[in-house]
């Protein structure tokens, strides 16, 4: 799903928050780290955006990664 969302996105930047120790899980909605890590995996598999920065956040093991749209050569 994430790869399709990226392909359809008009965003210039995307910020992904990776929070393996988050207490804000909603298993009934499928919002657990084990399922949501697929978003991070999808970002590494796609070629529309490039990773430009990663920042540690003040919560155990949490980080924000900024991705910028790759410049088109068309």
Protein backbone atom coordinates (compact mmCIF):
# COMPACT_ATOMS: atom_id res chain seq x y z
CA UNK A 1 0.00 0.00 0.00
CA UNK A 2 2.78 2.43 0.89
CA UNK A 3 4.48 2.03 -2.49
CA UNK A 4 1.22 2.89 -4.28
CA UNK A 5 0.61 5.86 -1.98
CA UNK A 6 4.09 7.17 -2.79
CA UNK A 7 3.54 6.72 -6.53
CA UNK A 8 0.34 8.80 -6.31
CA UNK A 9 1.67 11.40 -3.89
CA UNK A 10 2.22 15.00 -4.95
CA UNK A 11 4.28 15.71 -1.82
CA UNK A 12 7.74 17.21 -2.14
CA UNK A 13 8.82 15.91 1.29
CA UNK A 14 7.76 12.96 3.44
CA UNK A 15 8.61 12.52 7.10
CA UNK A 16 8.60 9.02 8.54
CA UNK A 17 8.59 8.52 12.31
CA UNK A 18 10.01 5.19 13.45
CA UNK A 19 9.05 4.52 17.07
CA UNK A 20 9.73 0.93 18.09
CA UNK A 21 9.10 1.68 21.78
CA UNK A 22 5.94 3.72 21.32
CA UNK A 23 3.19 3.30 23.86
CA UNK A 24 0.65 4.61 21.35
CA UNK A 25 -0.25 1.30 19.72
CA UNK A 26 -3.73 0.51 18.42
CA UNK A 27 -3.66 -3.22 17.65
CA UNK A 28 -7.36 -3.23 16.72
CA UNK A 29 -6.48 -0.94 13.80
CA UNK A 30 -3.26 -2.77 12.96
CA UNK A 31 -1.15 0.08 14.31
CA UNK A 32 1.66 -1.90 15.90
CA UNK A 33 5.35 -1.45 15.27
CA UNK A 34 5.60 -4.92 13.77
CA UNK A 35 3.08 -3.99 11.05
CA UNK A 36 3.99 -0.33 10.61
CA UNK A 37 7.70 -1.08 10.04
CA UNK A 38 6.57 -1.97 6.49
CA UNK A 39 6.32 1.78 5.82
CA UNK A 40 10.03 2.18 6.58
CA UNK A 41 10.83 -0.85 4.42
CA UNK A 42 8.77 0.58 1.54
CA UNK A 43 10.67 3.87 1.69
CA UNK A 44 13.94 1.99 1.23
CA UNK A 45 12.50 0.01 -1.72
CA UNK A 46 11.09 2.93 -3.71
CA UNK A 47 13.00 5.33 -5.99
CA UNK A 48 10.77 8.43 -6.05
CA UNK A 49 12.16 9.97 -2.86
CA UNK A 50 15.68 10.17 -1.43
CA UNK A 51 16.57 10.19 2.23
CA UNK A 52 17.98 13.60 3.19
CA UNK A 53 18.16 13.60 7.00
CA UNK A 54 17.50 11.49 10.09
CA UNK A 55 17.05 12.90 13.57
CA UNK A 56 16.86 11.16 16.94
CA UNK A 57 13.75 12.18 18.87
CA UNK A 58 13.57 12.41 22.68
CA UNK A 59 11.71 9.09 23.07
CA UNK A 60 13.60 5.81 23.42
CA UNK A 61 14.67 4.62 19.98
CA UNK A 62 12.43 7.00 18.06
CA UNK A 63 13.70 8.81 15.00
CA UNK A 64 12.34 11.00 12.24
CA UNK A 65 13.58 10.57 8.68
CA UNK A 66 13.00 13.19 6.00
CA UNK A 67 12.68 12.11 2.38
CA UNK A 68 12.70 14.56 -0.56
CA UNK A 69 11.23 13.93 -3.97
CA UNK A 70 13.92 12.87 -6.42
CA UNK A 71 14.45 15.40 -9.17
CA UNK A 72 13.03 14.26 -12.50
CA UNK A 73 15.31 14.37 -15.52
CA UNK A 74 12.39 14.66 -18.01
